[in-house]
Amino acid sequence: MHMETNPRLWTYSSSNSPLQLPSSSILFTQRQLITLEPPEFQDTSKELSREDIVTIAQSYQHENRGLDQLLQQNNAPQLSERFPILLTGECANPYRLQDMMMDPLPLLFVRLEHLCRTWADSLDAREVKPGIHHVTLARSEGWWEPTLLGLATRPQM
């Protein structure tokens, strides 16, 4: 499946949420989206610490270049200086990230288990004043959600 690599060409409208989100892991930059190939995962039932997530993220690659190397090429802080942040809506849309003037940001496609998202798009006048989606997260045994995990610096948070 082809994924657009120019952030400005991604569709954004508050009426299309929770779509359009990347369908794979990417490194977002202001000029382009770089598709990342994930490593093979062994144990998906283990709860991961920040250090575990950073170690796994260091294994992501694009054309045989590791994620830290890609960040360095984009004059961005390394993975050791980043923290996981759950992105559950338009904050993971490349068009909106570009609007927010976000610095390079790895977005890792993940599966969250025993968690459910509920969207409420009609709680504000977002066509007039675009904002953040109203999302409720709830424990839901047996349910899973695909989403994006950002690896952000403190200023990006």
Protein backbone atom coordinates (compact mmCIF):
# COMPACT_ATOMS: atom_id res chain seq x y z
CA MET A 1 0.00 0.00 0.00
CA HIS A 2 1.35 3.42 -0.97
CA MET A 3 1.64 5.95 1.83
CA GLU A 4 2.03 9.63 0.96
CA THR A 5 5.49 10.92 1.97
CA ASN A 6 4.76 14.66 1.91
CA PRO A 7 3.09 15.78 5.18
CA ARG A 8 1.13 18.52 3.38
CA LEU A 9 -0.59 16.03 1.10
CA TRP A 10 -2.18 14.13 4.00
CA THR A 11 -5.88 14.70 4.29
CA TYR A 12 -7.04 16.52 7.38
CA SER A 13 -10.54 17.46 8.32
CA SER A 14 -12.10 17.16 11.72
CA SER A 15 -14.94 15.22 10.12
CA ASN A 16 -12.64 12.39 9.02
CA SER A 17 -11.24 11.58 12.45
CA PRO A 18 -10.05 9.23 13.84
CA LEU A 19 -8.70 8.63 10.33
CA GLN A 20 -6.33 9.66 8.54
CA LEU A 21 -3.40 8.21 10.40
CA PRO A 22 -0.30 6.51 9.01
CA SER A 23 -0.74 2.76 8.68
CA SER A 24 2.86 1.98 9.57
CA SER A 25 5.70 3.38 11.65
CA ILE A 26 7.24 6.61 10.34
CA LEU A 27 9.72 9.32 11.16
CA PHE A 28 7.85 12.59 10.72
CA THR A 29 9.87 15.59 9.55
CA GLN A 30 8.62 18.93 8.23
CA ARG A 31 9.72 17.98 4.69
CA GLN A 32 8.94 14.28 4.43
CA LEU A 33 7.66 11.14 6.06
CA ILE A 34 10.20 8.34 6.27
CA THR A 35 8.71 4.85 6.51
CA LEU A 36 10.33 2.73 9.22
CA GLU A 37 10.70 -1.03 9.11
CA PRO A 38 10.05 -2.53 12.56
CA PRO A 39 12.19 -5.24 14.15
CA GLU A 40 10.80 -8.71 14.77
CA PHE A 41 9.00 -8.87 18.10
CA GLN A 42 9.40 -11.82 20.39
CA ASP A 43 7.26 -11.40 23.52
CA THR A 44 4.21 -9.21 22.96
CA SER A 45 2.70 -9.95 26.37
CA LYS A 46 5.46 -8.23 28.35
CA GLU A 47 4.80 -4.79 29.83
CA LEU A 48 7.47 -2.42 28.50
CA SER A 49 9.38 0.25 30.40
CA ARG A 50 10.61 3.48 28.76
CA GLU A 51 14.06 1.90 28.44
CA ASP A 52 12.55 -1.19 26.74
CA ILE A 53 10.66 1.01 24.28
CA VAL A 54 13.79 3.04 23.44
CA THR A 55 15.82 -0.16 22.95
CA ILE A 56 13.18 -1.58 20.59
CA ALA A 57 12.93 1.77 18.75
CA GLN A 58 16.67 1.71 18.11
CA SER A 59 16.05 -1.41 15.97
CA TYR A 60 13.70 0.39 13.54
CA GLN A 61 15.31 1.10 10.16
CA HIS A 62 14.86 2.80 6.82
CA GLU A 63 17.06 1.54 3.97
CA ASN A 64 19.54 0.00 6.44
CA ARG A 65 19.83 3.21 8.48
CA GLY A 66 18.79 3.01 12.11
CA LEU A 67 16.33 5.43 13.68
CA ASP A 68 19.05 7.19 15.71
CA GLN A 69 21.04 7.72 12.52
CA LEU A 70 17.96 9.16 10.77
CA LEU A 71 17.35 11.51 13.71
CA GLN A 72 20.99 12.62 13.59
CA GLN A 73 20.71 13.31 9.83
CA ASN A 74 17.73 15.55 10.63
CA ASN A 75 19.61 17.40 13.43
CA ALA A 76 17.19 15.99 16.00
CA PRO A 77 17.75 14.64 19.54
CA GLN A 78 18.53 10.94 19.78
CA LEU A 79 16.16 8.28 21.13
CA SER A 80 17.86 8.33 24.54
CA GLU A 81 16.52 11.89 24.98
CA ARG A 82 12.92 10.95 24.05
CA PHE A 83 9.88 9.73 25.96
CA PRO A 84 6.91 7.62 24.78
CA ILE A 85 3.65 9.50 24.36
CA LEU A 86 0.39 7.98 23.17
CA LEU A 87 -1.03 9.79 20.12
CA THR A 88 -4.69 8.93 19.64
CA GLY A 89 -6.04 11.14 16.89
CA GLU A 90 -5.15 14.21 14.91
CA CYS A 91 -1.91 14.68 16.87
CA ALA A 92 -0.58 11.72 14.85
CA ASN A 93 -1.79 13.09 11.50
CA PRO A 94 1.22 14.37 9.47
CA TYR A 95 -0.76 17.36 8.18
CA ARG A 96 -1.58 18.47 11.74
CA LEU A 97 1.97 17.77 12.97
CA GLN A 98 3.22 20.10 10.26
CA ASP A 99 0.66 22.74 11.27
CA MET A 100 1.98 22.49 14.84
CA MET A 101 5.55 23.05 13.51
CA MET A 102 6.65 19.80 15.15
CA ASP A 103 10.34 18.89 15.01
CA PRO A 104 11.27 15.38 13.80
CA LEU A 105 9.13 12.86 15.64
CA PRO A 106 9.25 9.04 15.43
CA LEU A 107 5.75 7.56 15.31
CA LEU A 108 5.68 3.83 16.01
CA PHE A 109 2.63 1.83 14.98
CA VAL A 110 1.60 -0.24 18.01
CA ARG A 111 -1.20 -2.45 19.22
CA LEU A 112 -2.60 -1.66 22.66
CA GLU A 113 -4.33 -4.57 24.32
CA HIS A 114 -7.25 -4.49 26.78
CA LEU A 115 -7.91 -0.85 25.95
CA CYS A 116 -10.73 0.84 24.03
CA ARG A 117 -10.92 4.37 22.57
CA THR A 118 -14.17 6.28 22.28
CA TRP A 119 -14.29 9.37 20.07
CA ALA A 120 -16.48 12.44 20.55
CA ASP A 121 -16.01 14.74 17.58
CA SER A 122 -19.00 17.00 18.09
CA LEU A 123 -18.07 18.56 21.44
CA ASP A 124 -16.52 21.70 19.99
CA ALA A 125 -16.55 23.92 16.90
CA ARG A 126 -13.42 22.32 15.46
CA GLU A 127 -14.05 23.42 11.87
CA VAL A 128 -13.79 26.98 13.17
CA LYS A 129 -11.16 26.38 15.85
CA PRO A 130 -9.36 23.07 15.20
CA GLY A 131 -8.28 21.44 18.42
CA ILE A 132 -7.54 18.15 20.02
CA HIS A 133 -10.03 15.31 19.78
CA HIS A 134 -12.00 14.36 22.82
CA VAL A 135 -10.92 10.77 23.40
CA THR A 136 -11.84 8.55 26.30
CA LEU A 137 -9.64 5.55 27.01
CA ALA A 138 -11.17 2.68 28.94
CA ARG A 139 -10.04 -0.76 30.03
CA SER A 140 -11.82 -3.37 27.95
CA GLU A 141 -10.75 -6.98 28.48
CA GLY A 142 -10.04 -8.73 25.17
CA TRP A 143 -10.25 -5.54 23.07
CA TRP A 144 -7.27 -4.08 21.23
CA GLU A 145 -6.58 -0.86 19.37
CA PRO A 146 -3.96 0.03 16.75
CA THR A 147 -2.48 3.46 17.38
CA LEU A 148 0.73 5.44 17.19
CA LEU A 149 3.26 5.85 19.95
CA GLY A 150 5.32 9.00 19.57
CA LEU A 151 8.85 9.25 20.92
CA ALA A 152 8.94 12.91 21.86
CA THR A 153 11.44 15.22 23.48
CA ARG A 154 10.33 17.15 26.57
CA PRO A 155 9.71 20.37 24.57
CA GLN A 156 7.58 18.42 22.05
CA MET A 157 5.37 17.18 24.85
